[in-house]
Amino acid sequence: MDHYLDIRLRPDPEFAPTLLMNALFAKLHRALSEQGRDDIGVSFPRAAPAAALGDTLRLHGGHAALQRLMAGDWLSGMRDHIALAAIQPVPPQAEAWQVRRKQAKTNPDKERRRLVRRLGISAEEAAQRFPDSAARRLTLPFLTLNSASTGQRYQLHIEQRPAPATHSGRFNAFGLSPDATVPWF
């Protein structure tokens, strides 16, 4: 994680920034998945807590890994909507941050079925342990994506937070990791 590259959305009177970020991130996800990349992480340096993810998608990785990703044609259709910066070295004062997916327990029925299956308890006991009022809503910023397997739309909530130390590791096809950190500056 010694280099980074910023992709910034250009203002567009026809498309909201959130719509453009959703499209950009979907293209990145497909590229990471198709290339089998697990060495590139993402962050959203201009995100606002409990609001939108901002207008900048930052890619983190080694110089060669970022070059290989950017050599692909995954940004086709987006080039008029973005400003693409050059690959840069990470500043020395960068902090370590975790950028990961956060899921809420928003569906009480699903959680109750899970309790019945895992704990072998009755449906009535599961309803007592997880009442409808226990459903939680997240206030984190999110992307709205379409599932390639089911075609359904879903929200990918993003949590960005400081980490106590730098931790190397692998990233999933969204550029997220529950353990690995990215430089934050």
Protein backbone atom coordinates (compact mmCIF):
# COMPACT_ATOMS: atom_id res chain seq x y z
CA MET A 1 0.00 0.00 0.00
CA ASP A 2 2.71 2.43 -0.93
CA HIS A 3 0.90 4.14 -3.81
CA TYR A 4 -2.54 5.54 -4.52
CA LEU A 5 -4.62 7.00 -7.31
CA ASP A 6 -7.60 9.35 -7.02
CA ILE A 7 -10.62 9.18 -9.30
CA ARG A 8 -12.70 12.30 -8.83
CA LEU A 9 -16.21 12.80 -10.15
CA ARG A 10 -16.74 15.87 -12.28
CA PRO A 11 -19.87 17.92 -11.58
CA ASP A 12 -22.62 16.90 -13.98
CA PRO A 13 -25.98 18.68 -14.30
CA GLU A 14 -27.67 15.52 -15.58
CA PHE A 15 -26.48 12.98 -12.99
CA ALA A 16 -26.33 13.19 -9.20
CA PRO A 17 -22.89 12.50 -7.67
CA THR A 18 -24.25 9.47 -5.80
CA LEU A 19 -25.50 7.93 -9.05
CA LEU A 20 -22.11 8.46 -10.69
CA MET A 21 -20.24 7.03 -7.68
CA ASN A 22 -22.51 3.96 -7.74
CA ALA A 23 -21.71 3.43 -11.44
CA LEU A 24 -17.97 4.02 -10.95
CA PHE A 25 -17.79 1.63 -8.00
CA ALA A 26 -19.76 -1.05 -9.88
CA LYS A 27 -17.23 -0.85 -12.71
CA LEU A 28 -14.34 -1.07 -10.25
CA HIS A 29 -15.93 -4.11 -8.58
CA ARG A 30 -16.28 -5.88 -11.93
CA ALA A 31 -12.66 -5.07 -12.84
CA LEU A 32 -11.28 -6.29 -9.49
CA SER A 33 -13.37 -9.45 -9.77
CA GLU A 34 -12.47 -10.19 -13.40
CA GLN A 35 -8.76 -9.57 -12.80
CA GLY A 36 -8.80 -11.62 -9.57
CA ARG A 37 -7.21 -8.73 -7.67
CA ASP A 38 -6.89 -8.92 -3.90
CA ASP A 39 -4.08 -6.38 -3.56
CA ILE A 40 -6.05 -3.17 -4.14
CA GLY A 41 -7.98 -1.37 -1.44
CA VAL A 42 -10.31 1.62 -1.63
CA SER A 43 -11.20 4.62 0.46
CA PHE A 44 -13.46 7.63 0.15
CA PRO A 45 -11.42 10.57 1.45
CA ARG A 46 -14.20 13.13 0.99
CA ALA A 47 -16.99 11.10 2.58
CA ALA A 48 -19.16 12.70 5.23
CA PRO A 49 -20.28 10.62 8.22
CA ALA A 50 -23.89 9.48 7.87
CA ALA A 51 -24.08 11.09 4.42
CA ALA A 52 -22.75 10.47 0.93
CA LEU A 53 -19.37 8.97 0.12
CA GLY A 54 -18.23 12.15 -1.58
CA ASP A 55 -16.85 12.77 -5.03
CA THR A 56 -13.51 10.94 -4.77
CA LEU A 57 -12.72 7.23 -4.97
CA ARG A 58 -9.14 6.55 -3.90
CA LEU A 59 -7.46 3.30 -4.95
CA HIS A 60 -4.57 1.98 -2.83
CA GLY A 61 -1.94 -0.59 -3.74
CA GLY A 62 1.53 -1.12 -5.05
CA HIS A 63 2.57 0.91 -8.10
CA ALA A 64 2.62 -2.16 -10.37
CA ALA A 65 -0.77 -3.41 -9.12
CA LEU A 66 -2.40 -0.04 -9.78
CA GLN A 67 -0.79 0.14 -13.24
CA ARG A 68 -2.12 -3.33 -14.13
CA LEU A 69 -5.62 -2.40 -12.97
CA MET A 70 -5.62 0.89 -14.86
CA ALA A 71 -4.30 -0.78 -18.04
CA GLY A 72 -7.71 -2.43 -18.40
CA ASP A 73 -10.65 -0.73 -20.09
CA TRP A 74 -12.89 -0.81 -17.04
CA LEU A 75 -13.48 2.97 -17.04
CA SER A 76 -15.16 2.97 -20.46
CA GLY A 77 -18.35 4.98 -20.34
CA MET A 78 -17.15 6.93 -17.29
CA ARG A 79 -14.26 8.95 -18.73
CA ASP A 80 -16.45 12.01 -19.42
CA HIS A 81 -17.60 11.98 -15.80
CA ILE A 82 -14.25 11.64 -14.01
CA ALA A 83 -10.90 13.30 -13.53
CA LEU A 84 -8.22 10.65 -13.23
CA ALA A 85 -5.07 11.55 -11.30
CA ALA A 86 -1.68 9.95 -11.80
CA ILE A 87 -0.43 7.18 -9.53
CA GLN A 88 1.36 8.83 -6.60
CA PRO A 89 3.42 7.62 -3.63
CA VAL A 90 1.61 7.70 -0.30
CA PRO A 91 2.68 10.69 1.85
CA PRO A 92 4.88 9.71 4.81
CA GLN A 93 2.48 11.17 7.41
CA ALA A 94 -0.40 8.88 6.33
CA GLU A 95 -2.34 7.11 9.07
CA ALA A 96 -3.71 3.56 8.94
CA TRP A 97 -7.46 3.26 8.44
CA GLN A 98 -9.85 0.37 8.00
CA VAL A 99 -12.40 0.60 5.20
CA ARG A 100 -14.91 -2.20 5.40
CA ARG A 101 -18.44 -3.26 4.71
CA LYS A 102 -20.85 -2.93 7.59
CA GLN A 103 -24.11 -4.83 7.62
CA ALA A 104 -27.05 -4.12 9.89
CA LYS A 105 -29.51 -6.61 11.24
CA THR A 106 -32.45 -4.95 9.50
CA ASN A 107 -34.64 -7.98 8.81
CA PRO A 108 -36.10 -9.43 12.04
CA ASP A 109 -37.60 -12.48 10.27
CA LYS A 110 -34.23 -13.41 8.79
CA GLU A 111 -32.50 -13.01 12.16
CA ARG A 112 -35.13 -15.15 13.92
CA ARG A 113 -34.75 -17.93 11.33
CA ARG A 114 -31.00 -17.76 11.87
CA LEU A 115 -31.46 -18.13 15.65
CA VAL A 116 -33.77 -21.12 15.17
CA ARG A 117 -31.30 -22.79 12.81
CA ARG A 118 -28.13 -22.08 14.81
CA LEU A 119 -29.39 -22.48 18.35
CA GLY A 120 -32.15 -25.01 17.78
CA ILE A 121 -34.70 -22.88 19.65
CA SER A 122 -38.40 -22.51 18.85
CA ALA A 123 -39.75 -19.75 16.63
CA GLU A 124 -41.53 -18.26 19.64
CA GLU A 125 -38.31 -18.08 21.66
CA ALA A 126 -36.51 -16.55 18.68
CA ALA A 127 -39.25 -13.91 18.43
CA GLN A 128 -38.73 -13.05 22.10
CA ARG A 129 -34.96 -12.80 21.67
CA PHE A 130 -35.18 -10.76 18.47
CA PRO A 131 -38.39 -8.68 18.41
CA ASP A 132 -39.26 -6.39 15.51
CA SER A 133 -38.03 -3.45 17.57
CA ALA A 134 -34.49 -4.92 17.58
CA ALA A 135 -33.97 -4.20 13.88
CA ARG A 136 -31.17 -1.68 13.40
CA ARG A 137 -30.71 0.89 10.69
CA LEU A 138 -27.26 2.07 9.76
CA THR A 139 -26.45 5.74 9.41
CA LEU A 140 -23.26 5.07 7.44
CA PRO A 141 -22.80 6.24 3.86
CA PHE A 142 -23.53 3.59 1.25
CA LEU A 143 -23.40 2.64 -2.40
CA THR A 144 -26.38 1.18 -4.22
CA LEU A 145 -25.34 -1.73 -6.43
CA ASN A 146 -26.98 -4.46 -8.48
CA SER A 147 -26.21 -8.08 -7.70
CA ALA A 148 -24.77 -9.88 -10.72
CA SER A 149 -26.20 -13.20 -9.52
CA THR A 150 -29.75 -12.17 -8.55
CA GLY A 151 -30.18 -8.83 -10.31
CA GLN A 152 -31.47 -7.31 -7.08
CA ARG A 153 -30.39 -3.89 -5.86
CA TYR A 154 -28.71 -3.68 -2.47
CA GLN A 155 -26.94 -1.17 -0.29
CA LEU A 156 -23.25 -1.60 0.49
CA HIS A 157 -22.66 0.41 3.68
CA ILE A 158 -19.08 1.61 4.09
CA GLU A 159 -17.42 2.14 7.46
CA GLN A 160 -14.13 4.07 7.50
CA ARG A 161 -12.31 4.35 10.80
CA PRO A 162 -8.80 4.82 12.20
CA ALA A 163 -6.87 1.64 12.96
CA PRO A 164 -4.40 1.30 15.84
CA ALA A 165 -1.66 0.11 13.48
CA THR A 166 -0.97 -0.69 9.85
CA HIS A 167 -2.07 -4.21 8.99
CA SER A 168 -1.37 -5.83 5.63
CA GLY A 169 -3.78 -8.33 4.18
CA ARG A 170 -6.03 -9.14 1.29
CA PHE A 171 -8.97 -7.16 -0.05
CA ASN A 172 -12.17 -8.52 -1.53
CA ALA A 173 -13.53 -7.71 -4.99
CA PHE A 174 -14.95 -4.47 -3.58
CA GLY A 175 -11.51 -3.31 -2.39
CA LEU A 176 -12.67 -3.72 1.22
CA SER A 177 -11.21 -5.74 4.08
CA PRO A 178 -12.26 -6.45 7.67
CA ASP A 179 -8.57 -6.54 8.69
CA ALA A 180 -6.22 -4.88 6.21
CA THR A 181 -5.68 -1.14 6.42
CA VAL A 182 -5.19 1.56 3.81
CA PRO A 183 -3.22 4.81 4.15
CA TRP A 184 -5.36 7.80 5.14
CA PHE A 185 -4.30 11.36 4.49
